[in-house]
Amino acid sequence: MAAEDVKRYLLAHLPAERIMSPGPGATVEEAAASLGVPPERIAKTLALRGPEGPLLVVTAGNTRLDNRQFRDRFGLKPRMLSGQEALEQTGHPPGGVCPFALPPGATVCLDASLKESPTVFVAAGDTHLVVEMTPEELARLTGVPQWDSLCRPVPEKGDAPC
């Protein structure tokens, strides 16, 4: 089971108390409410079609993918995987998709928006399991040395659109 693989991997690198089951968290809003933190501290993982397998973009919960930045970086139009495709290609269910314990061919990108919080909460292979870590720990544990700018902030309700 992928969630057990993720948990085993994380326990080898982080203190056990940083891995928690706060309650349901299939969406950014649910996860933020369960943890009592603002949405920007939730690291959401977007599962997209990549050139040779799934392409996972991990970004702050208060952002959305910038299509132009994605096209410029990867040379293709961003297309989200369906829930079933995400499960089949990553081994993780929707709401639990994470950048750990992935099959070969999966690519992980970290968005610079995550660096704005001292720690972030990342799904850990299940909708009821998260891990708290610093952005630096996330980069180290995913093996992704480069931070991309693939996302932009979502305007808050009441803000004028850009």
N, C-alpha and C. Protein backbone atom coordinates (compact mmCIF):
# COMPACT_ATOMS: atom_id res chain seq x y z
N MET A 1 0.85 -1.19 0.00
CA MET A 1 0.00 0.00 0.00
C MET A 1 0.89 1.24 0.00
N ALA A 2 0.59 2.21 -0.85
CA ALA A 2 1.42 3.40 -1.02
C ALA A 2 1.51 4.23 0.25
N ALA A 3 0.42 4.40 0.98
CA ALA A 3 0.45 5.21 2.20
C ALA A 3 1.43 4.62 3.22
N GLU A 4 1.49 3.31 3.32
CA GLU A 4 2.44 2.67 4.23
C GLU A 4 3.87 2.88 3.76
N ASP A 5 4.09 2.84 2.44
CA ASP A 5 5.42 3.10 1.90
C ASP A 5 5.85 4.53 2.21
N VAL A 6 4.91 5.47 2.06
CA VAL A 6 5.21 6.88 2.35
C VAL A 6 5.54 7.03 3.82
N LYS A 7 4.73 6.46 4.68
CA LYS A 7 4.94 6.60 6.12
C LYS A 7 6.29 6.00 6.53
N ARG A 8 6.63 4.84 5.99
CA ARG A 8 7.91 4.20 6.29
C ARG A 8 9.08 5.10 5.83
N TYR A 9 8.96 5.66 4.65
CA TYR A 9 10.00 6.56 4.12
C TYR A 9 10.15 7.79 5.03
N LEU A 10 9.03 8.40 5.38
CA LEU A 10 9.09 9.60 6.20
C LEU A 10 9.64 9.31 7.59
N LEU A 11 9.26 8.19 8.17
CA LEU A 11 9.76 7.83 9.51
C LEU A 11 11.27 7.61 9.52
N ALA A 12 11.82 7.26 8.38
CA ALA A 12 13.27 7.07 8.28
C ALA A 12 14.01 8.41 8.25
N HIS A 13 13.27 9.51 8.00
CA HIS A 13 13.92 10.81 7.82
C HIS A 13 13.43 11.92 8.75
N LEU A 14 12.29 11.72 9.39
CA LEU A 14 11.70 12.77 10.23
C LEU A 14 11.19 12.18 11.54
N PRO A 15 11.07 13.00 12.58
CA PRO A 15 10.49 12.51 13.84
C PRO A 15 9.03 12.08 13.64
N ALA A 16 8.65 11.02 14.31
CA ALA A 16 7.31 10.45 14.16
C ALA A 16 6.20 11.45 14.48
N GLU A 17 6.44 12.37 15.44
CA GLU A 17 5.38 13.31 15.82
C GLU A 17 5.04 14.30 14.71
N ARG A 18 5.84 14.37 13.67
CA ARG A 18 5.55 15.28 12.56
C ARG A 18 4.60 14.64 11.54
N ILE A 19 4.35 13.35 11.67
CA ILE A 19 3.42 12.64 10.79
C ILE A 19 2.13 12.49 11.58
N MET A 20 1.04 13.01 11.05
CA MET A 20 -0.20 13.04 11.83
C MET A 20 -1.43 12.72 11.00
N SER A 21 -2.48 12.36 11.70
CA SER A 21 -3.79 12.08 11.11
C SER A 21 -4.80 13.05 11.70
N PRO A 22 -4.90 14.26 11.16
CA PRO A 22 -5.76 15.27 11.77
C PRO A 22 -7.24 15.11 11.45
N GLY A 23 -7.59 14.29 10.52
CA GLY A 23 -8.97 14.17 10.07
C GLY A 23 -9.00 14.28 8.56
N PRO A 24 -10.18 14.30 7.98
CA PRO A 24 -10.25 14.32 6.52
C PRO A 24 -9.59 15.58 5.96
N GLY A 25 -8.92 15.40 4.83
CA GLY A 25 -8.25 16.53 4.22
C GLY A 25 -8.09 16.34 2.72
N ALA A 26 -9.16 15.95 2.03
CA ALA A 26 -9.08 15.72 0.60
C ALA A 26 -8.95 17.02 -0.19
N THR A 27 -9.32 18.15 0.42
CA THR A 27 -9.17 19.45 -0.24
C THR A 27 -8.30 20.34 0.64
N VAL A 28 -7.80 21.40 0.05
CA VAL A 28 -6.99 22.36 0.81
C VAL A 28 -7.81 22.92 1.97
N GLU A 29 -9.06 23.27 1.71
CA GLU A 29 -9.91 23.86 2.74
C GLU A 29 -10.13 22.90 3.90
N GLU A 30 -10.42 21.63 3.60
CA GLU A 30 -10.61 20.62 4.65
C GLU A 30 -9.34 20.43 5.46
N ALA A 31 -8.21 20.32 4.76
CA ALA A 31 -6.93 20.10 5.45
C ALA A 31 -6.59 21.30 6.34
N ALA A 32 -6.76 22.51 5.81
CA ALA A 32 -6.46 23.71 6.60
C ALA A 32 -7.35 23.78 7.84
N ALA A 33 -8.64 23.48 7.68
CA ALA A 33 -9.56 23.50 8.82
C ALA A 33 -9.19 22.43 9.85
N SER A 34 -8.87 21.22 9.39
CA SER A 34 -8.50 20.13 10.29
C SER A 34 -7.26 20.47 11.11
N LEU A 35 -6.32 21.16 10.48
CA LEU A 35 -5.04 21.47 11.13
C LEU A 35 -5.04 22.82 11.83
N GLY A 36 -6.05 23.66 11.54
CA GLY A 36 -6.12 24.99 12.13
C GLY A 36 -5.03 25.92 11.61
N VAL A 37 -4.72 25.80 10.32
CA VAL A 37 -3.70 26.64 9.70
C VAL A 37 -4.29 27.31 8.46
N PRO A 38 -3.66 28.39 7.97
CA PRO A 38 -4.14 29.02 6.75
C PRO A 38 -3.83 28.16 5.52
N PRO A 39 -4.60 28.31 4.45
CA PRO A 39 -4.42 27.48 3.25
C PRO A 39 -3.02 27.51 2.65
N GLU A 40 -2.31 28.63 2.81
CA GLU A 40 -0.97 28.70 2.22
C GLU A 40 0.02 27.74 2.88
N ARG A 41 -0.32 27.20 4.05
CA ARG A 41 0.56 26.23 4.71
C ARG A 41 0.25 24.79 4.31
N ILE A 42 -0.77 24.61 3.48
CA ILE A 42 -1.08 23.28 2.95
C ILE A 42 -0.35 23.15 1.61
N ALA A 43 0.47 22.14 1.48
CA ALA A 43 1.18 21.89 0.23
C ALA A 43 0.32 20.96 -0.61
N LYS A 44 -0.33 21.51 -1.61
CA LYS A 44 -1.17 20.66 -2.47
C LYS A 44 -0.31 20.15 -3.63
N THR A 45 -0.63 18.93 -4.03
CA THR A 45 0.10 18.30 -5.12
C THR A 45 -0.83 18.15 -6.30
N LEU A 46 -0.50 18.84 -7.39
CA LEU A 46 -1.27 18.77 -8.62
C LEU A 46 -0.70 17.65 -9.48
N ALA A 47 -1.54 16.73 -9.91
CA ALA A 47 -1.10 15.61 -10.74
C ALA A 47 -1.48 15.89 -12.19
N LEU A 48 -0.45 16.07 -13.01
CA LEU A 48 -0.65 16.42 -14.42
C LEU A 48 -0.03 15.37 -15.34
N ARG A 49 -0.42 15.45 -16.59
CA ARG A 49 0.19 14.58 -17.60
C ARG A 49 1.55 15.17 -17.96
N GLY A 50 2.56 14.36 -17.81
CA GLY A 50 3.91 14.78 -18.19
C GLY A 50 4.31 14.14 -19.49
N PRO A 51 5.45 14.50 -20.02
CA PRO A 51 5.88 13.95 -21.30
C PRO A 51 6.14 12.44 -21.24
N GLU A 52 6.55 11.92 -20.06
CA GLU A 52 6.88 10.50 -19.96
C GLU A 52 6.29 9.84 -18.72
N GLY A 53 5.28 10.43 -18.14
CA GLY A 53 4.68 9.90 -16.92
C GLY A 53 4.03 11.02 -16.15
N PRO A 54 3.58 10.74 -14.94
CA PRO A 54 2.92 11.80 -14.18
C PRO A 54 3.89 12.90 -13.79
N LEU A 55 3.41 14.11 -13.82
CA LEU A 55 4.18 15.30 -13.45
C LEU A 55 3.47 15.91 -12.26
N LEU A 56 4.12 15.91 -11.09
CA LEU A 56 3.51 16.40 -9.87
C LEU A 56 4.08 17.77 -9.53
N VAL A 57 3.20 18.74 -9.42
CA VAL A 57 3.59 20.10 -9.02
C VAL A 57 3.11 20.30 -7.60
N VAL A 58 4.04 20.50 -6.68
CA VAL A 58 3.69 20.72 -5.27
C VAL A 58 3.76 22.23 -5.05
N THR A 59 2.64 22.79 -4.59
CA THR A 59 2.52 24.24 -4.45
C THR A 59 1.73 24.60 -3.20
N ALA A 60 1.79 25.85 -2.82
CA ALA A 60 1.03 26.33 -1.66
C ALA A 60 -0.47 26.24 -1.97
N GLY A 61 -1.24 25.99 -0.93
CA GLY A 61 -2.68 25.80 -1.09
C GLY A 61 -3.45 27.01 -1.57
N ASN A 62 -2.86 28.19 -1.51
CA ASN A 62 -3.56 29.40 -1.94
C ASN A 62 -3.11 29.85 -3.34
N THR A 63 -2.62 28.90 -4.14
CA THR A 63 -2.17 29.24 -5.49
C THR A 63 -2.92 28.40 -6.52
N ARG A 64 -2.74 28.80 -7.77
CA ARG A 64 -3.24 27.99 -8.88
C ARG A 64 -2.15 27.94 -9.95
N LEU A 65 -2.20 26.91 -10.75
CA LEU A 65 -1.22 26.72 -11.81
C LEU A 65 -1.32 27.85 -12.82
N ASP A 66 -0.18 28.40 -13.21
CA ASP A 66 -0.11 29.41 -14.25
C ASP A 66 0.17 28.67 -15.56
N ASN A 67 -0.83 28.62 -16.44
CA ASN A 67 -0.71 27.83 -17.67
C ASN A 67 0.47 28.27 -18.52
N ARG A 68 0.70 29.56 -18.62
CA ARG A 68 1.81 30.06 -19.45
C ARG A 68 3.16 29.63 -18.87
N GLN A 69 3.32 29.76 -17.56
CA GLN A 69 4.58 29.36 -16.93
C GLN A 69 4.82 27.85 -17.14
N PHE A 70 3.76 27.08 -17.02
CA PHE A 70 3.87 25.63 -17.21
C PHE A 70 4.29 25.32 -18.64
N ARG A 71 3.63 25.96 -19.62
CA ARG A 71 3.98 25.74 -21.03
C ARG A 71 5.41 26.15 -21.31
N ASP A 72 5.82 27.29 -20.76
CA ASP A 72 7.19 27.76 -20.97
C ASP A 72 8.21 26.77 -20.39
N ARG A 73 7.90 26.20 -19.25
CA ARG A 73 8.84 25.30 -18.57
C ARG A 73 8.89 23.92 -19.21
N PHE A 74 7.70 23.37 -19.59
CA PHE A 74 7.64 21.98 -20.06
C PHE A 74 7.33 21.83 -21.54
N GLY A 75 6.93 22.91 -22.20
CA GLY A 75 6.64 22.83 -23.63
C GLY A 75 5.36 22.10 -23.96
N LEU A 76 4.46 22.01 -23.02
CA LEU A 76 3.17 21.37 -23.28
C LEU A 76 2.08 22.03 -22.46
N LYS A 77 0.87 21.85 -22.93
CA LYS A 77 -0.29 22.40 -22.24
C LYS A 77 -0.57 21.58 -20.98
N PRO A 78 -0.82 22.26 -19.84
CA PRO A 78 -1.10 21.48 -18.63
C PRO A 78 -2.45 20.78 -18.71
N ARG A 79 -2.44 19.49 -18.40
CA ARG A 79 -3.67 18.70 -18.36
C ARG A 79 -3.64 17.85 -17.10
N MET A 80 -4.62 18.07 -16.25
CA MET A 80 -4.72 17.33 -14.99
C MET A 80 -5.05 15.86 -15.27
N LEU A 81 -4.54 14.99 -14.42
CA LEU A 81 -4.93 13.59 -14.48
C LEU A 81 -6.29 13.45 -13.80
N SER A 82 -7.09 12.52 -14.27
CA SER A 82 -8.35 12.23 -13.57
C SER A 82 -7.98 11.55 -12.25
N GLY A 83 -8.95 11.45 -11.35
CA GLY A 83 -8.70 10.79 -10.08
C GLY A 83 -8.21 9.36 -10.26
N GLN A 84 -8.82 8.64 -11.17
CA GLN A 84 -8.42 7.25 -11.43
C GLN A 84 -7.01 7.19 -12.03
N GLU A 85 -6.72 8.10 -12.97
CA GLU A 85 -5.38 8.14 -13.56
C GLU A 85 -4.32 8.48 -12.52
N ALA A 86 -4.65 9.42 -11.62
CA ALA A 86 -3.70 9.79 -10.57
C ALA A 86 -3.39 8.58 -9.69
N LEU A 87 -4.42 7.84 -9.31
CA LEU A 87 -4.22 6.65 -8.49
C LEU A 87 -3.37 5.61 -9.24
N GLU A 88 -3.70 5.37 -10.49
CA GLU A 88 -2.97 4.37 -11.27
C GLU A 88 -1.52 4.78 -11.51
N GLN A 89 -1.27 6.07 -11.77
CA GLN A 89 0.07 6.51 -12.15
C GLN A 89 0.97 6.91 -10.99
N THR A 90 0.37 7.24 -9.83
CA THR A 90 1.19 7.64 -8.68
C THR A 90 1.12 6.63 -7.54
N GLY A 91 0.04 5.84 -7.50
CA GLY A 91 -0.18 4.92 -6.39
C GLY A 91 -0.89 5.58 -5.22
N HIS A 92 -1.22 6.86 -5.36
CA HIS A 92 -1.88 7.61 -4.28
C HIS A 92 -3.28 8.04 -4.72
N PRO A 93 -4.26 8.00 -3.80
CA PRO A 93 -5.62 8.41 -4.15
C PRO A 93 -5.74 9.93 -4.22
N PRO A 94 -6.74 10.43 -4.95
CA PRO A 94 -6.99 11.88 -4.96
C PRO A 94 -7.14 12.38 -3.52
N GLY A 95 -6.52 13.51 -3.23
CA GLY A 95 -6.53 14.05 -1.87
C GLY A 95 -5.38 13.54 -1.03
N GLY A 96 -4.73 12.47 -1.49
CA GLY A 96 -3.57 11.92 -0.81
C GLY A 96 -2.33 11.89 -1.69
N VAL A 97 -2.48 12.40 -2.92
CA VAL A 97 -1.34 12.42 -3.84
C VAL A 97 -0.23 13.25 -3.22
N CYS A 98 0.97 12.68 -3.22
CA CYS A 98 2.10 13.34 -2.58
C CYS A 98 3.37 13.07 -3.38
N PRO A 99 4.44 13.79 -3.06
CA PRO A 99 5.68 13.63 -3.82
C PRO A 99 6.62 12.54 -3.28
N PHE A 100 6.09 11.59 -2.52
CA PHE A 100 6.92 10.54 -1.91
C PHE A 100 6.46 9.16 -2.38
N ALA A 101 7.38 8.19 -2.37
CA ALA A 101 7.09 6.80 -2.72
C ALA A 101 6.36 6.71 -4.06
N LEU A 102 6.96 7.33 -5.05
CA LEU A 102 6.38 7.36 -6.39
C LEU A 102 7.01 6.29 -7.28
N PRO A 103 6.27 5.85 -8.29
CA PRO A 103 6.84 4.88 -9.22
C PRO A 103 7.87 5.54 -10.14
N PRO A 104 8.74 4.76 -10.74
CA PRO A 104 9.70 5.32 -11.70
C PRO A 104 8.95 6.05 -12.82
N GLY A 105 9.54 7.12 -13.31
CA GLY A 105 8.92 7.89 -14.39
C GLY A 105 8.12 9.08 -13.90
N ALA A 106 7.85 9.15 -12.62
CA ALA A 106 7.13 10.31 -12.06
C ALA A 106 8.13 11.45 -11.87
N THR A 107 7.69 12.65 -12.20
CA THR A 107 8.52 13.84 -12.04
C THR A 107 7.88 14.75 -11.01
N VAL A 108 8.69 15.30 -10.10
CA VAL A 108 8.20 16.20 -9.06
C VAL A 108 8.81 17.58 -9.28
N CYS A 109 7.96 18.61 -9.21
CA CYS A 109 8.40 20.00 -9.26
C CYS A 109 7.89 20.69 -8.00
N LEU A 110 8.73 21.52 -7.41
CA LEU A 110 8.34 22.28 -6.23
C LEU A 110 8.18 23.73 -6.60
N ASP A 111 7.03 24.30 -6.26
CA ASP A 111 6.77 25.71 -6.57
C ASP A 111 7.33 26.60 -5.47
N ALA A 112 7.91 27.72 -5.88
CA ALA A 112 8.55 28.66 -4.94
C ALA A 112 7.57 29.21 -3.91
N SER A 113 6.26 29.14 -4.15
CA SER A 113 5.27 29.64 -3.19
C SER A 113 5.38 28.94 -1.84
N LEU A 114 5.89 27.72 -1.83
CA LEU A 114 6.03 26.96 -0.58
C LEU A 114 7.09 27.55 0.34
N LYS A 115 8.03 28.28 -0.23
CA LYS A 115 9.13 28.83 0.57
C LYS A 115 8.70 30.02 1.42
N GLU A 116 7.45 30.46 1.27
CA GLU A 116 6.97 31.61 2.04
C GLU A 116 6.48 31.24 3.44
N SER A 117 6.35 29.95 3.73
CA SER A 117 5.92 29.50 5.06
C SER A 117 7.08 28.79 5.75
N PRO A 118 7.18 28.93 7.08
CA PRO A 118 8.28 28.25 7.79
C PRO A 118 8.16 26.73 7.72
N THR A 119 6.93 26.23 7.80
CA THR A 119 6.67 24.80 7.61
C THR A 119 5.39 24.67 6.79
N VAL A 120 5.27 23.54 6.11
CA VAL A 120 4.08 23.23 5.33
C VAL A 120 3.60 21.83 5.68
N PHE A 121 2.34 21.57 5.41
CA PHE A 121 1.76 20.26 5.66
C PHE A 121 1.52 19.59 4.30
N VAL A 122 2.14 18.44 4.12
CA VAL A 122 2.11 17.70 2.86
C VAL A 122 1.33 16.42 3.05
N ALA A 123 0.44 16.09 2.10
CA ALA A 123 -0.26 14.81 2.15
C ALA A 123 0.78 13.70 2.16
N ALA A 124 0.42 12.59 2.77
CA ALA A 124 1.35 11.48 2.90
C ALA A 124 0.76 10.18 2.37
N GLY A 125 0.17 10.25 1.18
CA GLY A 125 -0.32 9.05 0.52
C GLY A 125 -1.72 8.64 0.86
N ASP A 126 -2.41 9.44 1.68
CA ASP A 126 -3.77 9.12 2.12
C ASP A 126 -4.47 10.44 2.47
N THR A 127 -5.78 10.49 2.33
CA THR A 127 -6.51 11.73 2.64
C THR A 127 -6.55 12.05 4.13
N HIS A 128 -6.15 11.11 4.98
CA HIS A 128 -6.17 11.31 6.43
C HIS A 128 -4.77 11.37 7.05
N LEU A 129 -3.74 11.50 6.22
CA LEU A 129 -2.38 11.47 6.74
C LEU A 129 -1.58 12.63 6.15
N VAL A 130 -0.94 13.43 7.02
CA VAL A 130 -0.11 14.55 6.58
C VAL A 130 1.20 14.55 7.36
N VAL A 131 2.17 15.26 6.80
CA VAL A 131 3.45 15.42 7.46
C VAL A 131 3.81 16.90 7.43
N GLU A 132 4.29 17.40 8.57
CA GLU A 132 4.73 18.79 8.65
C GLU A 132 6.24 18.82 8.44
N MET A 133 6.68 19.71 7.55
CA MET A 133 8.11 19.83 7.27
C MET A 133 8.44 21.22 6.76
N THR A 134 9.70 21.56 6.83
CA THR A 134 10.15 22.83 6.28
C THR A 134 10.25 22.69 4.76
N PRO A 135 10.21 23.81 4.04
CA PRO A 135 10.43 23.72 2.59
C PRO A 135 11.77 23.07 2.25
N GLU A 136 12.80 23.33 3.05
CA GLU A 136 14.12 22.73 2.80
C GLU A 136 14.06 21.21 2.96
N GLU A 137 13.33 20.74 3.97
CA GLU A 137 13.18 19.29 4.15
C GLU A 137 12.41 18.70 2.98
N LEU A 138 11.40 19.39 2.51
CA LEU A 138 10.63 18.91 1.36
C LEU A 138 11.54 18.75 0.14
N ALA A 139 12.36 19.75 -0.12
CA ALA A 139 13.29 19.68 -1.26
C ALA A 139 14.26 18.50 -1.09
N ARG A 140 14.78 18.34 0.11
CA ARG A 140 15.74 17.26 0.37
C ARG A 140 15.09 15.89 0.22
N LEU A 141 13.89 15.72 0.81
CA LEU A 141 13.24 14.40 0.79
C LEU A 141 12.66 14.02 -0.56
N THR A 142 12.40 15.02 -1.40
CA THR A 142 11.93 14.71 -2.75
C THR A 142 13.08 14.62 -3.75
N GLY A 143 14.25 15.11 -3.33
CA GLY A 143 15.39 15.10 -4.24
C GLY A 143 15.28 16.14 -5.34
N VAL A 144 14.48 17.19 -5.09
CA VAL A 144 14.28 18.25 -6.08
C VAL A 144 15.07 19.48 -5.62
N PRO A 145 16.20 19.75 -6.26
CA PRO A 145 17.04 20.88 -5.82
C PRO A 145 16.58 22.24 -6.34
N GLN A 146 15.76 22.24 -7.38
CA GLN A 146 15.35 23.49 -8.04
C GLN A 146 13.93 23.87 -7.66
N TRP A 147 13.73 25.15 -7.38
CA TRP A 147 12.39 25.67 -7.11
C TRP A 147 11.89 26.36 -8.37
N ASP A 148 10.69 26.02 -8.82
CA ASP A 148 10.09 26.62 -10.00
C ASP A 148 9.07 27.67 -9.60
N SER A 149 8.72 28.52 -10.54
CA SER A 149 7.62 29.47 -10.36
C SER A 149 6.56 29.11 -11.39
N LEU A 150 5.75 28.13 -11.03
CA LEU A 150 4.73 27.61 -11.93
C LEU A 150 3.31 28.02 -11.54
N CYS A 151 3.17 28.66 -10.38
CA CYS A 151 1.85 28.98 -9.86
C CYS A 151 1.77 30.45 -9.48
N ARG A 152 0.53 30.91 -9.36
CA ARG A 152 0.31 32.30 -8.93
C ARG A 152 -0.76 32.29 -7.84
N PRO A 153 -0.76 33.31 -6.99
CA PRO A 153 -1.76 33.35 -5.91
C PRO A 153 -3.18 33.41 -6.45
N VAL A 154 -4.08 32.77 -5.75
CA VAL A 154 -5.50 32.86 -6.07
C VAL A 154 -6.00 34.14 -5.42
N PRO A 155 -6.69 35.01 -6.17
CA PRO A 155 -7.21 36.23 -5.54
C PRO A 155 -8.17 35.88 -4.41
N GLU A 156 -8.07 36.61 -3.32
CA GLU A 156 -8.98 36.39 -2.20
C GLU A 156 -10.35 36.91 -2.57
N LYS A 157 -11.37 36.34 -1.96
CA LYS A 157 -12.74 36.80 -2.23
C LYS A 157 -12.82 38.30 -1.95
N GLY A 158 -13.40 39.01 -2.88
CA GLY A 158 -13.53 40.46 -2.73
C GLY A 158 -12.43 41.23 -3.43
N ASP A 159 -11.31 40.55 -3.78
CA ASP A 159 -10.26 41.22 -4.53
C ASP A 159 -10.68 41.37 -5.98
N ALA A 160 -10.28 42.45 -6.59
CA ALA A 160 -10.56 42.66 -8.01
C ALA A 160 -9.68 41.69 -8.82
N PRO A 161 -10.22 41.09 -9.89
CA PRO A 161 -9.41 40.19 -10.71
C PRO A 161 -8.28 40.97 -11.39
N CYS A 162 -7.19 40.28 -11.62
CA CYS A 162 -6.04 40.92 -12.28
C CYS A 162 -6.26 41.01 -13.77
